[in-house]
Amino acid sequence: AAERIENEGKGCVIVVNKWDTVPDKDNKTTLLYEQEVREK
């Protein structure tokens, strides 16, 4: 689906929901999640 969005030149915002369920979040947590999302 990500490749299709890119190939068709569509706009996209990636939304990570349920952020309130992640325990003990800090700025490092956000960076780790972003790395994982960017990798996938």
PDB file of all heavy atoms in Angstrom:
ATOM      1  N   ALA A   1       0.835  -1.203   0.000  1.00  0.00           N
ATOM      2  CA  ALA A   1       0.000   0.000   0.000  1.00  0.00           C
ATOM      3  C   ALA A   1       0.870   1.254   0.000  1.00  0.00           C
ATOM      4  O   ALA A   1       0.571   2.234  -0.690  1.00  0.00           O
ATOM      5  CB  ALA A   1      -0.936   0.005   1.194  1.00  0.00           C
ATOM      6  N   ALA A   2       1.959   1.221   0.769  1.00  0.00           N
ATOM      7  CA  ALA A   2       2.877   2.364   0.814  1.00  0.00           C
ATOM      8  C   ALA A   2       3.480   2.613  -0.559  1.00  0.00           C
ATOM      9  O   ALA A   2       3.582   3.761  -1.006  1.00  0.00           O
ATOM     10  CB  ALA A   2       3.965   2.110   1.854  1.00  0.00           C
ATOM     11  N   GLU A   3       3.876   1.555  -1.249  1.00  0.00           N
ATOM     12  CA  GLU A   3       4.433   1.695  -2.590  1.00  0.00           C
ATOM     13  C   GLU A   3       3.408   2.250  -3.562  1.00  0.00           C
ATOM     14  O   GLU A   3       3.732   3.061  -4.428  1.00  0.00           O
ATOM     15  CB  GLU A   3       4.983   0.356  -3.075  1.00  0.00           C
ATOM     16  CG  GLU A   3       6.248  -0.054  -2.345  1.00  0.00           C
ATOM     17  CD  GLU A   3       6.715  -1.454  -2.676  1.00  0.00           C
ATOM     18  OE1 GLU A   3       5.922  -2.265  -3.215  1.00  0.00           O
ATOM     19  OE2 GLU A   3       7.883  -1.751  -2.375  1.00  0.00           O
ATOM     20  N   ARG A   4       2.173   1.838  -3.415  1.00  0.00           N
ATOM     21  CA  ARG A   4       1.115   2.349  -4.293  1.00  0.00           C
ATOM     22  C   ARG A   4       0.905   3.846  -4.057  1.00  0.00           C
ATOM     23  O   ARG A   4       0.744   4.612  -5.003  1.00  0.00           O
ATOM     24  CB  ARG A   4      -0.181   1.580  -4.047  1.00  0.00           C
ATOM     25  CG  ARG A   4      -1.283   1.984  -4.970  1.00  0.00           C
ATOM     26  CD  ARG A   4      -2.483   1.083  -4.838  1.00  0.00           C
ATOM     27  NE  ARG A   4      -3.540   1.583  -5.694  1.00  0.00           N
ATOM     28  CZ  ARG A   4      -4.763   1.129  -5.699  1.00  0.00           C
ATOM     29  NH1 ARG A   4      -5.092   0.129  -4.885  1.00  0.00           N
ATOM     30  NH2 ARG A   4      -5.668   1.628  -6.486  1.00  0.00           N
ATOM     31  N   ILE A   5       0.899   4.258  -2.798  1.00  0.00           N
ATOM     32  CA  ILE A   5       0.771   5.683  -2.463  1.00  0.00           C
ATOM     33  C   ILE A   5       1.889   6.462  -3.126  1.00  0.00           C
ATOM     34  O   ILE A   5       1.666   7.499  -3.759  1.00  0.00           O
ATOM     35  CB  ILE A   5       0.791   5.886  -0.933  1.00  0.00           C
ATOM     36  CG1 ILE A   5      -0.487   5.330  -0.308  1.00  0.00           C
ATOM     37  CG2 ILE A   5       0.973   7.360  -0.575  1.00  0.00           C
ATOM     38  CD1 ILE A   5      -0.438   5.191   1.203  1.00  0.00           C
ATOM     39  N   GLU A   6       3.101   5.968  -3.012  1.00  0.00           N
ATOM     40  CA  GLU A   6       4.272   6.632  -3.600  1.00  0.00           C
ATOM     41  C   GLU A   6       4.185   6.657  -5.127  1.00  0.00           C
ATOM     42  O   GLU A   6       4.364   7.707  -5.747  1.00  0.00           O
ATOM     43  CB  GLU A   6       5.549   5.920  -3.145  1.00  0.00           C
ATOM     44  CG  GLU A   6       6.809   6.449  -3.783  1.00  0.00           C
ATOM     45  CD  GLU A   6       7.158   7.875  -3.378  1.00  0.00           C
ATOM     46  OE1 GLU A   6       6.653   8.371  -2.357  1.00  0.00           O
ATOM     47  OE2 GLU A   6       7.950   8.495  -4.112  1.00  0.00           O
ATOM     48  N   ASN A   7       3.880   5.535  -5.741  1.00  0.00           N
ATOM     49  CA  ASN A   7       3.833   5.435  -7.200  1.00  0.00           C
ATOM     50  C   ASN A   7       2.746   6.304  -7.819  1.00  0.00           C
ATOM     51  O   ASN A   7       2.917   6.819  -8.922  1.00  0.00           O
ATOM     52  CB  ASN A   7       3.654   3.984  -7.645  1.00  0.00           C
ATOM     53  CG  ASN A   7       4.873   3.137  -7.352  1.00  0.00           C
ATOM     54  OD1 ASN A   7       5.986   3.647  -7.216  1.00  0.00           O
ATOM     55  ND2 ASN A   7       4.665   1.839  -7.230  1.00  0.00           N
ATOM     56  N   GLU A   8       1.632   6.452  -7.109  1.00  0.00           N
ATOM     57  CA  GLU A   8       0.529   7.251  -7.640  1.00  0.00           C
ATOM     58  C   GLU A   8       0.617   8.717  -7.232  1.00  0.00           C
ATOM     59  O   GLU A   8      -0.252   9.513  -7.569  1.00  0.00           O
ATOM     60  CB  GLU A   8      -0.804   6.639  -7.205  1.00  0.00           C
ATOM     61  CG  GLU A   8      -1.033   5.266  -7.827  1.00  0.00           C
ATOM     62  CD  GLU A   8      -2.384   4.681  -7.482  1.00  0.00           C
ATOM     63  OE1 GLU A   8      -3.251   5.403  -6.932  1.00  0.00           O
ATOM     64  OE2 GLU A   8      -2.578   3.479  -7.765  1.00  0.00           O
ATOM     65  N   GLY A   9       1.658   9.069  -6.497  1.00  0.00           N
ATOM     66  CA  GLY A   9       1.861  10.467  -6.118  1.00  0.00           C
ATOM     67  C   GLY A   9       0.807  11.003  -5.160  1.00  0.00           C
ATOM     68  O   GLY A   9       0.489  12.187  -5.181  1.00  0.00           O
ATOM     69  N   LYS A  10       0.279  10.153  -4.329  1.00  0.00           N
ATOM     70  CA  LYS A  10      -0.760  10.554  -3.376  1.00  0.00           C
ATOM     71  C   LYS A  10      -0.153  11.172  -2.132  1.00  0.00           C
ATOM     72  O   LYS A  10       1.000  10.923  -1.788  1.00  0.00           O
ATOM     73  CB  LYS A  10      -1.622   9.348  -2.969  1.00  0.00           C
ATOM     74  CG  LYS A  10      -2.277   8.642  -4.115  1.00  0.00           C
ATOM     75  CD  LYS A  10      -3.271   9.525  -4.836  1.00  0.00           C
ATOM     76  CE  LYS A  10      -3.971   8.754  -5.939  1.00  0.00           C
ATOM     77  NZ  LYS A  10      -4.905   9.579  -6.670  1.00  0.00           N
ATOM     78  N   GLY A  11      -0.936  11.963  -1.441  1.00  0.00           N
ATOM     79  CA  GLY A  11      -0.526  12.506  -0.158  1.00  0.00           C
ATOM     80  C   GLY A  11      -0.703  11.458   0.928  1.00  0.00           C
ATOM     81  O   GLY A  11      -1.495  10.525   0.786  1.00  0.00           O
ATOM     82  N   CYS A  12       0.043  11.619   2.006  1.00  0.00           N
ATOM     83  CA  CYS A  12      -0.042  10.621   3.073  1.00  0.00           C
ATOM     84  C   CYS A  12       0.401  11.225   4.400  1.00  0.00           C
ATOM     85  O   CYS A  12       1.377  11.974   4.454  1.00  0.00           O
ATOM     86  CB  CYS A  12       0.850   9.429   2.733  1.00  0.00           C
ATOM     87  SG  CYS A  12       0.818   8.122   3.965  1.00  0.00           S
ATOM     88  N   VAL A  13      -0.322  10.894   5.443  1.00  0.00           N
ATOM     89  CA  VAL A  13       0.073  11.173   6.816  1.00  0.00           C
ATOM     90  C   VAL A  13       0.014   9.840   7.538  1.00  0.00           C
ATOM     91  O   VAL A  13      -0.982   9.128   7.451  1.00  0.00           O
ATOM     92  CB  VAL A  13      -0.884  12.180   7.499  1.00  0.00           C
ATOM     93  CG1 VAL A  13      -0.529  12.354   8.958  1.00  0.00           C
ATOM     94  CG2 VAL A  13      -0.875  13.512   6.772  1.00  0.00           C
ATOM     95  N   ILE A  14       1.078   9.496   8.225  1.00  0.00           N
ATOM     96  CA  ILE A  14       1.124   8.234   8.967  1.00  0.00           C
ATOM     97  C   ILE A  14       0.660   8.521  10.390  1.00  0.00           C
ATOM     98  O   ILE A  14       1.237   9.367  11.076  1.00  0.00           O
ATOM     99  CB  ILE A  14       2.548   7.656   8.970  1.00  0.00           C
ATOM    100  CG1 ILE A  14       2.997   7.383   7.531  1.00  0.00           C
ATOM    101  CG2 ILE A  14       2.608   6.398   9.830  1.00  0.00           C
ATOM    102  CD1 ILE A  14       4.469   7.078   7.390  1.00  0.00           C
ATOM    103  N   VAL A  15      -0.398   7.844  10.805  1.00  0.00           N
ATOM    104  CA  VAL A  15      -0.962   8.056  12.133  1.00  0.00           C
ATOM    105  C   VAL A  15      -0.727   6.814  12.980  1.00  0.00           C
ATOM    106  O   VAL A  15      -1.120   5.710  12.613  1.00  0.00           O
ATOM    107  CB  VAL A  15      -2.477   8.357  12.060  1.00  0.00           C
ATOM    108  CG1 VAL A  15      -3.053   8.546  13.452  1.00  0.00           C
ATOM    109  CG2 VAL A  15      -2.735   9.577  11.195  1.00  0.00           C
ATOM    110  N   VAL A  16      -0.060   7.018  14.104  1.00  0.00           N
ATOM    111  CA  VAL A  16       0.163   5.941  15.066  1.00  0.00           C
ATOM    112  C   VAL A  16      -0.851   6.161  16.186  1.00  0.00           C
ATOM    113  O   VAL A  16      -0.732   7.108  16.963  1.00  0.00           O
ATOM    114  CB  VAL A  16       1.611   5.966  15.604  1.00  0.00           C
ATOM    115  CG1 VAL A  16       1.798   4.882  16.651  1.00  0.00           C
ATOM    116  CG2 VAL A  16       2.609   5.819  14.466  1.00  0.00           C
ATOM    117  N   ASN A  17      -1.859   5.310  16.234  1.00  0.00           N
ATOM    118  CA  ASN A  17      -2.918   5.442  17.230  1.00  0.00           C
ATOM    119  C   ASN A  17      -2.564   4.607  18.464  1.00  0.00           C
ATOM    120  O   ASN A  17      -1.618   3.840  18.461  1.00  0.00           O
ATOM    121  CB  ASN A  17      -4.254   5.001  16.640  1.00  0.00           C
ATOM    122  CG  ASN A  17      -5.415   5.384  17.512  1.00  0.00           C
ATOM    123  OD1 ASN A  17      -5.351   6.319  18.292  1.00  0.00           O
ATOM    124  ND2 ASN A  17      -6.511   4.658  17.389  1.00  0.00           N
ATOM    125  N   LYS A  18      -3.339   4.772  19.500  1.00  0.00           N
ATOM    126  CA  LYS A  18      -3.159   4.048  20.766  1.00  0.00           C
ATOM    127  C   LYS A  18      -1.863   4.457  21.461  1.00  0.00           C
ATOM    128  O   LYS A  18      -1.296   3.695  22.229  1.00  0.00           O
ATOM    129  CB  LYS A  18      -3.176   2.528  20.557  1.00  0.00           C
ATOM    130  CG  LYS A  18      -4.399   1.994  19.888  1.00  0.00           C
ATOM    131  CD  LYS A  18      -5.542   1.965  20.837  1.00  0.00           C
ATOM    132  CE  LYS A  18      -6.732   1.271  20.193  1.00  0.00           C
ATOM    133  NZ  LYS A  18      -7.909   1.375  20.992  1.00  0.00           N
ATOM    134  N   TRP A  19      -1.379   5.659  21.188  1.00  0.00           N
ATOM    135  CA  TRP A  19      -0.125   6.121  21.765  1.00  0.00           C
ATOM    136  C   TRP A  19      -0.200   6.181  23.283  1.00  0.00           C
ATOM    137  O   TRP A  19       0.798   6.029  23.967  1.00  0.00           O
ATOM    138  CB  TRP A  19       0.233   7.479  21.167  1.00  0.00           C
ATOM    139  CG  TRP A  19       1.630   7.906  21.440  1.00  0.00           C
ATOM    140  CD1 TRP A  19       2.024   9.024  22.128  1.00  0.00           C
ATOM    141  CD2 TRP A  19       2.836   7.256  21.057  1.00  0.00           C
ATOM    142  NE1 TRP A  19       3.390   9.101  22.190  1.00  0.00           N
ATOM    143  CE2 TRP A  19       3.915   8.008  21.535  1.00  0.00           C
ATOM    144  CE3 TRP A  19       3.120   6.088  20.359  1.00  0.00           C
ATOM    145  CZ2 TRP A  19       5.237   7.655  21.345  1.00  0.00           C
ATOM    146  CZ3 TRP A  19       4.440   5.736  20.162  1.00  0.00           C
ATOM    147  CH2 TRP A  19       5.482   6.515  20.654  1.00  0.00           C
ATOM    148  N   ASP A  20      -1.404   6.359  23.814  1.00  0.00           N
ATOM    149  CA  ASP A  20      -1.583   6.416  25.267  1.00  0.00           C
ATOM    150  C   ASP A  20      -1.321   5.067  25.943  1.00  0.00           C
ATOM    151  O   ASP A  20      -1.098   5.000  27.141  1.00  0.00           O
ATOM    152  CB  ASP A  20      -2.986   6.910  25.616  1.00  0.00           C
ATOM    153  CG  ASP A  20      -4.076   6.028  25.033  1.00  0.00           C
ATOM    154  OD1 ASP A  20      -3.921   5.582  23.881  1.00  0.00           O
ATOM    155  OD2 ASP A  20      -5.082   5.789  25.709  1.00  0.00           O
ATOM    156  N   THR A  21      -1.318   3.980  25.179  1.00  0.00           N
ATOM    157  CA  THR A  21      -1.113   2.659  25.772  1.00  0.00           C
ATOM    158  C   THR A  21       0.371   2.276  25.863  1.00  0.00           C
ATOM    159  O   THR A  21       0.691   1.241  26.442  1.00  0.00           O
ATOM    160  CB  THR A  21      -1.848   1.568  24.967  1.00  0.00           C
ATOM    161  OG1 THR A  21      -1.289   1.500  23.651  1.00  0.00           O
ATOM    162  CG2 THR A  21      -3.341   1.862  24.894  1.00  0.00           C
ATOM    163  N   VAL A  22       1.240   3.103  25.299  1.00  0.00           N
ATOM    164  CA  VAL A  22       2.680   2.825  25.378  1.00  0.00           C
ATOM    165  C   VAL A  22       3.173   3.297  26.745  1.00  0.00           C
ATOM    166  O   VAL A  22       3.087   4.480  27.067  1.00  0.00           O
ATOM    167  CB  VAL A  22       3.435   3.544  24.244  1.00  0.00           C
ATOM    168  CG1 VAL A  22       4.935   3.322  24.376  1.00  0.00           C
ATOM    169  CG2 VAL A  22       2.925   3.082  22.886  1.00  0.00           C
ATOM    170  N   PRO A  23       3.705   2.377  27.549  1.00  0.00           N
ATOM    171  CA  PRO A  23       4.126   2.756  28.911  1.00  0.00           C
ATOM    172  C   PRO A  23       5.462   3.507  28.917  1.00  0.00           C
ATOM    173  O   PRO A  23       6.314   3.293  28.058  1.00  0.00           O
ATOM    174  CB  PRO A  23       4.260   1.412  29.619  1.00  0.00           C
ATOM    175  CG  PRO A  23       4.574   0.449  28.520  1.00  0.00           C
ATOM    176  CD  PRO A  23       3.872   0.966  27.293  1.00  0.00           C
ATOM    177  N   ASP A  24       5.612   4.396  29.873  1.00  0.00           N
ATOM    178  CA  ASP A  24       6.877   5.088  30.140  1.00  0.00           C
ATOM    179  C   ASP A  24       7.490   5.728  28.896  1.00  0.00           C
ATOM    180  O   ASP A  24       8.668   5.551  28.602  1.00  0.00           O
ATOM    181  CB  ASP A  24       7.888   4.122  30.772  1.00  0.00           C
ATOM    182  CG  ASP A  24       7.348   3.495  32.041  1.00  0.00           C
ATOM    183  OD1 ASP A  24       6.693   4.213  32.822  1.00  0.00           O
ATOM    184  OD2 ASP A  24       7.574   2.288  32.246  1.00  0.00           O
ATOM    185  N   LYS A  25       6.680   6.496  28.178  1.00  0.00           N
ATOM    186  CA  LYS A  25       7.158   7.161  26.967  1.00  0.00           C
ATOM    187  C   LYS A  25       8.056   8.342  27.312  1.00  0.00           C
ATOM    188  O   LYS A  25       7.876   9.002  28.318  1.00  0.00           O
ATOM    189  CB  LYS A  25       5.987   7.700  26.144  1.00  0.00           C
ATOM    190  CG  LYS A  25       5.073   6.672  25.583  1.00  0.00           C
ATOM    191  CD  LYS A  25       3.979   7.292  24.772  1.00  0.00           C
ATOM    192  CE  LYS A  25       3.031   8.156  25.519  1.00  0.00           C
ATOM    193  NZ  LYS A  25       2.127   7.517  26.428  1.00  0.00           N
ATOM    194  N   ASP A  26       9.022   8.588  26.430  1.00  0.00           N
ATOM    195  CA  ASP A  26       9.819   9.797  26.482  1.00  0.00           C
ATOM    196  C   ASP A  26      10.229  10.132  25.049  1.00  0.00           C
ATOM    197  O   ASP A  26       9.772   9.482  24.104  1.00  0.00           O
ATOM    198  CB  ASP A  26      11.034   9.646  27.410  1.00  0.00           C
ATOM    199  CG  ASP A  26      11.975   8.521  27.000  1.00  0.00           C
ATOM    200  OD1 ASP A  26      11.907   8.054  25.840  1.00  0.00           O
ATOM    201  OD2 ASP A  26      12.786   8.114  27.833  1.00  0.00           O
ATOM    202  N   ASN A  27      11.087  11.116  24.870  1.00  0.00           N
ATOM    203  CA  ASN A  27      11.493  11.494  23.513  1.00  0.00           C
ATOM    204  C   ASN A  27      12.205  10.348  22.791  1.00  0.00           C
ATOM    205  O   ASN A  27      12.100  10.202  21.582  1.00  0.00           O
ATOM    206  CB  ASN A  27      12.396  12.724  23.554  1.00  0.00           C
ATOM    207  CG  ASN A  27      11.617  13.962  23.915  1.00  0.00           C
ATOM    208  OD1 ASN A  27      10.405  14.010  23.768  1.00  0.00           O
ATOM    209  ND2 ASN A  27      12.306  14.973  24.387  1.00  0.00           N
ATOM    210  N   LYS A  28      12.915   9.532  23.530  1.00  0.00           N
ATOM    211  CA  LYS A  28      13.621   8.398  22.937  1.00  0.00           C
ATOM    212  C   LYS A  28      12.623   7.369  22.397  1.00  0.00           C
ATOM    213  O   LYS A  28      12.848   6.764  21.352  1.00  0.00           O
ATOM    214  CB  LYS A  28      14.538   7.754  23.976  1.00  0.00           C
ATOM    215  CG  LYS A  28      15.517   6.757  23.383  1.00  0.00           C
ATOM    216  CD  LYS A  28      16.371   6.103  24.458  1.00  0.00           C
ATOM    217  CE  LYS A  28      17.479   7.065  24.865  1.00  0.00           C
ATOM    218  NZ  LYS A  28      18.450   6.411  25.786  1.00  0.00           N
ATOM    219  N   THR A  29      11.513   7.189  23.100  1.00  0.00           N
ATOM    220  CA  THR A  29      10.478   6.250  22.657  1.00  0.00           C
ATOM    221  C   THR A  29       9.937   6.667  21.306  1.00  0.00           C
ATOM    222  O   THR A  29       9.782   5.840  20.408  1.00  0.00           O
ATOM    223  CB  THR A  29       9.324   6.201  23.682  1.00  0.00           C
ATOM    224  OG1 THR A  29       9.847   5.966  24.972  1.00  0.00           O
ATOM    225  CG2 THR A  29       8.323   5.117  23.329  1.00  0.00           C
ATOM    226  N   THR A  30       9.662   7.941  21.155  1.00  0.00           N
ATOM    227  CA  THR A  30       9.151   8.459  19.888  1.00  0.00           C
ATOM    228  C   THR A  30      10.146   8.192  18.770  1.00  0.00           C
ATOM    229  O   THR A  30       9.764   7.758  17.682  1.00  0.00           O
ATOM    230  CB  THR A  30       8.864   9.969  19.995  1.00  0.00           C
ATOM    231  OG1 THR A  30       7.964  10.188  21.078  1.00  0.00           O
ATOM    232  CG2 THR A  30       8.244  10.506  18.729  1.00  0.00           C
ATOM    233  N   LEU A  31      11.406   8.437  19.017  1.00  0.00           N
ATOM    234  CA  LEU A  31      12.435   8.201  18.001  1.00  0.00           C
ATOM    235  C   LEU A  31      12.525   6.726  17.620  1.00  0.00           C
ATOM    236  O   LEU A  31      12.657   6.392  16.433  1.00  0.00           O
ATOM    237  CB  LEU A  31      13.794   8.695  18.489  1.00  0.00           C
ATOM    238  CG  LEU A  31      13.942  10.201  18.630  1.00  0.00           C
ATOM    239  CD1 LEU A  31      15.275  10.555  19.271  1.00  0.00           C
ATOM    240  CD2 LEU A  31      13.797  10.882  17.284  1.00  0.00           C
ATOM    241  N   LEU A  32      12.427   5.844  18.601  1.00  0.00           N
ATOM    242  CA  LEU A  32      12.478   4.412  18.318  1.00  0.00           C
ATOM    243  C   LEU A  32      11.282   3.971  17.474  1.00  0.00           C
ATOM    244  O   LEU A  32      11.435   3.196  16.527  1.00  0.00           O
ATOM    245  CB  LEU A  32      12.546   3.607  19.616  1.00  0.00           C
ATOM    246  CG  LEU A  32      13.847   3.724  20.399  1.00  0.00           C
ATOM    247  CD1 LEU A  32      13.718   3.039  21.759  1.00  0.00           C
ATOM    248  CD2 LEU A  32      15.003   3.143  19.612  1.00  0.00           C
ATOM    249  N   TYR A  33      10.094   4.456  17.823  1.00  0.00           N
ATOM    250  CA  TYR A  33       8.899   4.121  17.047  1.00  0.00           C
ATOM    251  C   TYR A  33       9.019   4.675  15.635  1.00  0.00           C
ATOM    252  O   TYR A  33       8.661   4.020  14.663  1.00  0.00           O
ATOM    253  CB  TYR A  33       7.635   4.659  17.723  1.00  0.00           C
ATOM    254  CG  TYR A  33       7.002   3.680  18.679  1.00  0.00           C
ATOM    255  CD1 TYR A  33       7.512   3.486  19.947  1.00  0.00           C
ATOM    256  CD2 TYR A  33       5.894   2.941  18.305  1.00  0.00           C
ATOM    257  CE1 TYR A  33       6.949   2.585  20.828  1.00  0.00           C
ATOM    258  CE2 TYR A  33       5.309   2.035  19.173  1.00  0.00           C
ATOM    259  CZ  TYR A  33       5.845   1.859  20.432  1.00  0.00           C
ATOM    260  OH  TYR A  33       5.278   0.957  21.305  1.00  0.00           O
ATOM    261  N   GLU A  34       9.518   5.899  15.514  1.00  0.00           N
ATOM    262  CA  GLU A  34       9.662   6.492  14.186  1.00  0.00           C
ATOM    263  C   GLU A  34      10.630   5.679  13.338  1.00  0.00           C
ATOM    264  O   GLU A  34      10.367   5.435  12.157  1.00  0.00           O
ATOM    265  CB  GLU A  34      10.130   7.941  14.269  1.00  0.00           C
ATOM    266  CG  GLU A  34      10.237   8.552  12.894  1.00  0.00           C
ATOM    267  CD  GLU A  34      10.435  10.048  12.898  1.00  0.00           C
ATOM    268  OE1 GLU A  34      10.299  10.686  13.957  1.00  0.00           O
ATOM    269  OE2 GLU A  34      10.710  10.576  11.810  1.00  0.00           O
ATOM    270  N   GLN A  35      11.736   5.241  13.908  1.00  0.00           N
ATOM    271  CA  GLN A  35      12.689   4.414  13.166  1.00  0.00           C
ATOM    272  C   GLN A  35      12.024   3.140  12.663  1.00  0.00           C
ATOM    273  O   GLN A  35      12.228   2.725  11.522  1.00  0.00           O
ATOM    274  CB  GLN A  35      13.886   4.057  14.042  1.00  0.00           C
ATOM    275  CG  GLN A  35      14.843   5.186  14.252  1.00  0.00           C
ATOM    276  CD  GLN A  35      15.978   4.810  15.201  1.00  0.00           C
ATOM    277  OE1 GLN A  35      15.830   3.942  16.062  1.00  0.00           O
ATOM    278  NE2 GLN A  35      17.100   5.477  15.046  1.00  0.00           N
ATOM    279  N   GLU A  36      11.218   2.524  13.520  1.00  0.00           N
ATOM    280  CA  GLU A  36      10.542   1.288  13.136  1.00  0.00           C
ATOM    281  C   GLU A  36       9.543   1.528  12.010  1.00  0.00           C
ATOM    282  O   GLU A  36       9.493   0.782  11.035  1.00  0.00           O
ATOM    283  CB  GLU A  36       9.842   0.665  14.347  1.00  0.00           C
ATOM    284  CG  GLU A  36       9.241  -0.681  14.047  1.00  0.00           C
ATOM    285  CD  GLU A  36       8.641  -1.338  15.286  1.00  0.00           C
ATOM    286  OE1 GLU A  36       9.057  -1.005  16.410  1.00  0.00           O
ATOM    287  OE2 GLU A  36       7.769  -2.197  15.111  1.00  0.00           O
ATOM    288  N   VAL A  37       8.757   2.583  12.135  1.00  0.00           N
ATOM    289  CA  VAL A  37       7.772   2.910  11.094  1.00  0.00           C
ATOM    290  C   VAL A  37       8.485   3.238   9.793  1.00  0.00           C
ATOM    291  O   VAL A  37       8.101   2.762   8.722  1.00  0.00           O
ATOM    292  CB  VAL A  37       6.866   4.080  11.544  1.00  0.00           C
ATOM    293  CG1 VAL A  37       6.031   4.595  10.384  1.00  0.00           C
ATOM    294  CG2 VAL A  37       5.972   3.656  12.699  1.00  0.00           C
ATOM    295  N   ARG A  38       9.526   4.052   9.866  1.00  0.00           N
ATOM    296  CA  ARG A  38      10.275   4.434   8.660  1.00  0.00           C
ATOM    297  C   ARG A  38      10.905   3.217   7.987  1.00  0.00           C
ATOM    298  O   ARG A  38      10.950   3.127   6.766  1.00  0.00           O
ATOM    299  CB  ARG A  38      11.353   5.457   8.987  1.00  0.00           C
ATOM    300  CG  ARG A  38      10.833   6.764   9.491  1.00  0.00           C
ATOM    301  CD  ARG A  38      10.219   7.588   8.407  1.00  0.00           C
ATOM    302  NE  ARG A  38       9.749   8.867   8.925  1.00  0.00           N
ATOM    303  CZ  ARG A  38       8.764   9.547   8.394  1.00  0.00           C
ATOM    304  NH1 ARG A  38       8.131   9.094   7.335  1.00  0.00           N
ATOM    305  NH2 ARG A  38       8.389  10.697   8.911  1.00  0.00           N
ATOM    306  N   GLU A  39      11.365   2.267   8.792  1.00  0.00           N
ATOM    307  CA  GLU A  39      11.952   1.047   8.235  1.00  0.00           C
ATOM    308  C   GLU A  39      10.902   0.222   7.491  1.00  0.00           C
ATOM    309  O   GLU A  39      11.140  -0.272   6.398  1.00  0.00           O
ATOM    310  CB  GLU A  39      12.573   0.222   9.355  1.00  0.00           C
ATOM    311  CG  GLU A  39      13.287  -1.020   8.876  1.00  0.00           C
ATOM    312  CD  GLU A  39      13.912  -1.767  10.042  1.00  0.00           C
ATOM    313  OE1 GLU A  39      14.646  -1.142  10.819  1.00  0.00           O
ATOM    314  OE2 GLU A  39      13.658  -2.980  10.148  1.00  0.00           O
ATOM    315  N   LYS A  40       9.729   0.095   8.094  1.00  0.00           N
ATOM    316  CA  LYS A  40       8.664  -0.713   7.496  1.00  0.00           C
ATOM    317  C   LYS A  40       8.037  -0.041   6.284  1.00  0.00           C
ATOM    318  O   LYS A  40       7.618  -0.713   5.347  1.00  0.00           O
ATOM    319  CB  LYS A  40       7.585  -1.027   8.532  1.00  0.00           C
ATOM    320  CG  LYS A  40       8.057  -2.007   9.579  1.00  0.00           C
ATOM    321  CD  LYS A  40       6.987  -2.295  10.585  1.00  0.00           C
ATOM    322  CE  LYS A  40       7.504  -3.283  11.619  1.00  0.00           C
ATOM    323  NZ  LYS A  40       6.514  -3.570  12.650  1.00  0.00           N
TER     324      LYS A  40
END
